[in-house]
Amino acid sequence: MPNKKVEELIAGLDDQVIDVVGQFVKRRKAAYEQAAIKLKNDLRDDVVRYSELLEKKKISTEDFEFLVRGRSAQLKIELLEHISVSKAKFDLVTEDVIKLVLRTTIAVVAAL
């Protein structure tokens, strides 16, 4: 009954899969934090500049809100682009999980 043995061993890989994902998250955490801080700092700089224009009455309150919302949306897109790069890295996690399952399965079948 190699199918039953393979099934049991693969079912028992949960902790190893969680470790693979955990390592990926730890490595990427700093990059996500840096991207979020950069987003906040860029938005801060723009809001300061826009508020100076508002104070000097060179733009209206509505223009100020429009500029802040527009810049915020642009920065979110930039952050999403940064995160999408790590989607490729998440594909590596998937590959690691597949390799783990394959190695386990091949070892069981070879031992029979």
C-alpha atoms as a PDB file:
ATOM      1  CA  MET A   1       0.000   0.000   0.000  1.00  0.00           C
ATOM      2  CA  PRO A   2       2.505   2.644  -1.087  1.00  0.00           C
ATOM      3  CA  ASN A   3      -0.318   5.090  -1.814  1.00  0.00           C
ATOM      4  CA  LYS A   4      -1.358   5.091   1.852  1.00  0.00           C
ATOM      5  CA  LYS A   5       2.242   5.571   3.025  1.00  0.00           C
ATOM      6  CA  VAL A   6       2.806   8.431   0.546  1.00  0.00           C
ATOM      7  CA  GLU A   7      -0.466  10.032   1.615  1.00  0.00           C
ATOM      8  CA  GLU A   8       0.484   9.820   5.297  1.00  0.00           C
ATOM      9  CA  LEU A   9       3.950  11.271   4.754  1.00  0.00           C
ATOM     10  CA  ILE A  10       2.701  14.146   2.624  1.00  0.00           C
ATOM     11  CA  ALA A  11       0.001  14.874   5.200  1.00  0.00           C
ATOM     12  CA  GLY A  12       2.785  15.099   7.782  1.00  0.00           C
ATOM     13  CA  LEU A  13       4.683  17.808   5.878  1.00  0.00           C
ATOM     14  CA  ASP A  14       2.585  20.686   7.237  1.00  0.00           C
ATOM     15  CA  ASP A  15       5.225  21.860   9.725  1.00  0.00           C
ATOM     16  CA  GLN A  16       7.934  21.835   7.064  1.00  0.00           C
ATOM     17  CA  VAL A  17       5.698  23.768   4.656  1.00  0.00           C
ATOM     18  CA  ILE A  18       4.991  26.312   7.395  1.00  0.00           C
ATOM     19  CA  ASP A  19       8.758  26.640   7.954  1.00  0.00           C
ATOM     20  CA  VAL A  20       9.335  27.307   4.225  1.00  0.00           C
ATOM     21  CA  VAL A  21       6.669  30.040   4.227  1.00  0.00           C
ATOM     22  CA  GLY A  22       7.916  31.440   7.534  1.00  0.00           C
ATOM     23  CA  GLN A  23      11.427  31.877   6.151  1.00  0.00           C
ATOM     24  CA  PHE A  24      10.035  33.647   3.091  1.00  0.00           C
ATOM     25  CA  VAL A  25       7.946  36.019   5.220  1.00  0.00           C
ATOM     26  CA  LYS A  26      10.880  36.808   7.512  1.00  0.00           C
ATOM     27  CA  ARG A  27      13.109  37.637   4.538  1.00  0.00           C
ATOM     28  CA  ARG A  28      10.472  39.856   2.920  1.00  0.00           C
ATOM     29  CA  LYS A  29       9.254  41.581   6.100  1.00  0.00           C
ATOM     30  CA  ALA A  30      12.063  44.130   6.092  1.00  0.00           C
ATOM     31  CA  ALA A  31      11.447  44.964   2.422  1.00  0.00           C
ATOM     32  CA  TYR A  32       7.724  45.497   3.050  1.00  0.00           C
ATOM     33  CA  GLU A  33       8.444  47.671   6.074  1.00  0.00           C
ATOM     34  CA  GLN A  34      10.937  49.774   4.105  1.00  0.00           C
ATOM     35  CA  ALA A  35       8.461  50.183   1.239  1.00  0.00           C
ATOM     36  CA  ALA A  36       5.710  51.288   3.644  1.00  0.00           C
ATOM     37  CA  ILE A  37       8.017  53.770   5.380  1.00  0.00           C
ATOM     38  CA  LYS A  38       9.096  55.158   1.987  1.00  0.00           C
ATOM     39  CA  LEU A  39       5.434  55.509   1.015  1.00  0.00           C
ATOM     40  CA  LYS A  40       4.716  57.412   4.220  1.00  0.00           C
ATOM     41  CA  ASN A  41       7.770  59.655   3.829  1.00  0.00           C
ATOM     42  CA  ASP A  42       7.005  60.451   0.188  1.00  0.00           C
ATOM     43  CA  LEU A  43       3.419  61.265   1.092  1.00  0.00           C
ATOM     44  CA  ARG A  44       4.590  63.413   4.015  1.00  0.00           C
ATOM     45  CA  ASP A  45       6.894  65.431   1.754  1.00  0.00           C
ATOM     46  CA  ASP A  46       4.113  66.002  -0.764  1.00  0.00           C
ATOM     47  CA  VAL A  47       1.546  66.919   1.899  1.00  0.00           C
ATOM     48  CA  VAL A  48       3.950  69.482   3.357  1.00  0.00           C
ATOM     49  CA  ARG A  49       4.476  70.996  -0.082  1.00  0.00           C
ATOM     50  CA  TYR A  50       0.730  70.998  -0.839  1.00  0.00           C
ATOM     51  CA  SER A  51      -0.072  72.520   2.556  1.00  0.00           C
ATOM     52  CA  GLU A  52       2.327  75.379   1.827  1.00  0.00           C
ATOM     53  CA  LEU A  53       0.432  76.034  -1.406  1.00  0.00           C
ATOM     54  CA  LEU A  54      -2.847  75.888   0.508  1.00  0.00           C
ATOM     55  CA  GLU A  55      -1.541  78.270   3.156  1.00  0.00           C
ATOM     56  CA  LYS A  56      -0.467  80.747   0.463  1.00  0.00           C
ATOM     57  CA  LYS A  57      -3.931  80.354  -1.093  1.00  0.00           C
ATOM     58  CA  LYS A  58      -2.402  79.167  -4.361  1.00  0.00           C
ATOM     59  CA  ILE A  59      -4.720  76.143  -4.246  1.00  0.00           C
ATOM     60  CA  SER A  60      -8.156  75.581  -2.750  1.00  0.00           C
ATOM     61  CA  THR A  61      -9.034  73.102  -0.017  1.00  0.00           C
ATOM     62  CA  GLU A  62     -10.620  70.912  -2.687  1.00  0.00           C
ATOM     63  CA  ASP A  63      -7.418  71.053  -4.766  1.00  0.00           C
ATOM     64  CA  PHE A  64      -5.405  70.159  -1.667  1.00  0.00           C
ATOM     65  CA  GLU A  65      -7.590  67.115  -0.977  1.00  0.00           C
ATOM     66  CA  PHE A  66      -7.456  66.109  -4.645  1.00  0.00           C
ATOM     67  CA  LEU A  67      -3.656  66.358  -4.723  1.00  0.00           C
ATOM     68  CA  VAL A  68      -3.214  64.374  -1.507  1.00  0.00           C
ATOM     69  CA  ARG A  69      -5.622  61.650  -2.630  1.00  0.00           C
ATOM     70  CA  GLY A  70      -4.019  61.486  -6.082  1.00  0.00           C
ATOM     71  CA  ARG A  71      -0.507  61.272  -4.702  1.00  0.00           C
ATOM     72  CA  SER A  72      -1.610  58.655  -2.194  1.00  0.00           C
ATOM     73  CA  ALA A  73      -3.078  56.548  -5.005  1.00  0.00           C
ATOM     74  CA  GLN A  74       0.114  56.886  -7.022  1.00  0.00           C
ATOM     75  CA  LEU A  75       2.229  55.818  -4.047  1.00  0.00           C
ATOM     76  CA  LYS A  76      -0.034  52.816  -3.433  1.00  0.00           C
ATOM     77  CA  ILE A  77       0.517  51.744  -7.027  1.00  0.00           C
ATOM     78  CA  GLU A  78       4.268  52.055  -6.535  1.00  0.00           C
ATOM     79  CA  LEU A  79       4.036  49.939  -3.376  1.00  0.00           C
ATOM     80  CA  LEU A  80       1.949  47.326  -5.166  1.00  0.00           C
ATOM     81  CA  GLU A  81       4.560  47.185  -7.923  1.00  0.00           C
ATOM     82  CA  HIS A  82       7.172  46.529  -5.256  1.00  0.00           C
ATOM     83  CA  ILE A  83       5.070  43.769  -3.743  1.00  0.00           C
ATOM     84  CA  SER A  84       4.358  42.206  -7.130  1.00  0.00           C
ATOM     85  CA  VAL A  85       8.091  41.714  -7.564  1.00  0.00           C
ATOM     86  CA  SER A  86       7.958  39.530  -4.492  1.00  0.00           C
ATOM     87  CA  LYS A  87       5.170  37.514  -6.115  1.00  0.00           C
ATOM     88  CA  ALA A  88       7.953  36.014  -8.196  1.00  0.00           C
ATOM     89  CA  LYS A  89       9.690  35.208  -4.931  1.00  0.00           C
ATOM     90  CA  PHE A  90       6.483  33.647  -3.639  1.00  0.00           C
ATOM     91  CA  ASP A  91       6.623  31.406  -6.704  1.00  0.00           C
ATOM     92  CA  LEU A  92       9.965  30.221  -5.330  1.00  0.00           C
ATOM     93  CA  VAL A  93       8.209  29.262  -2.086  1.00  0.00           C
ATOM     94  CA  THR A  94       5.723  27.255  -4.113  1.00  0.00           C
ATOM     95  CA  GLU A  95       8.595  25.563  -5.905  1.00  0.00           C
ATOM     96  CA  ASP A  96      10.230  24.709  -2.553  1.00  0.00           C
ATOM     97  CA  VAL A  97       6.988  23.139  -1.317  1.00  0.00           C
ATOM     98  CA  ILE A  98       6.659  21.107  -4.517  1.00  0.00           C
ATOM     99  CA  LYS A  99      10.279  19.917  -4.167  1.00  0.00           C
ATOM    100  CA  LEU A 100       9.592  18.898  -0.564  1.00  0.00           C
ATOM    101  CA  VAL A 101       6.561  16.845  -1.590  1.00  0.00           C
ATOM    102  CA  LEU A 102       8.423  15.287  -4.514  1.00  0.00           C
ATOM    103  CA  ARG A 103      11.476  14.343  -2.414  1.00  0.00           C
ATOM    104  CA  THR A 104       9.245  12.800   0.231  1.00  0.00           C
ATOM    105  CA  THR A 105       7.205  10.856  -2.297  1.00  0.00           C
ATOM    106  CA  ILE A 106      10.242   9.621  -4.229  1.00  0.00           C
ATOM    107  CA  ALA A 107      11.936   8.510  -0.998  1.00  0.00           C
ATOM    108  CA  VAL A 108       8.876   6.497   0.027  1.00  0.00           C
ATOM    109  CA  VAL A 109       8.470   4.878  -3.371  1.00  0.00           C
ATOM    110  CA  ALA A 110      12.200   4.103  -3.609  1.00  0.00           C
ATOM    111  CA  ALA A 111      12.154   2.472  -0.176  1.00  0.00           C
ATOM    112  CA  LEU A 112       9.420   0.043  -1.217  1.00  0.00           C
END
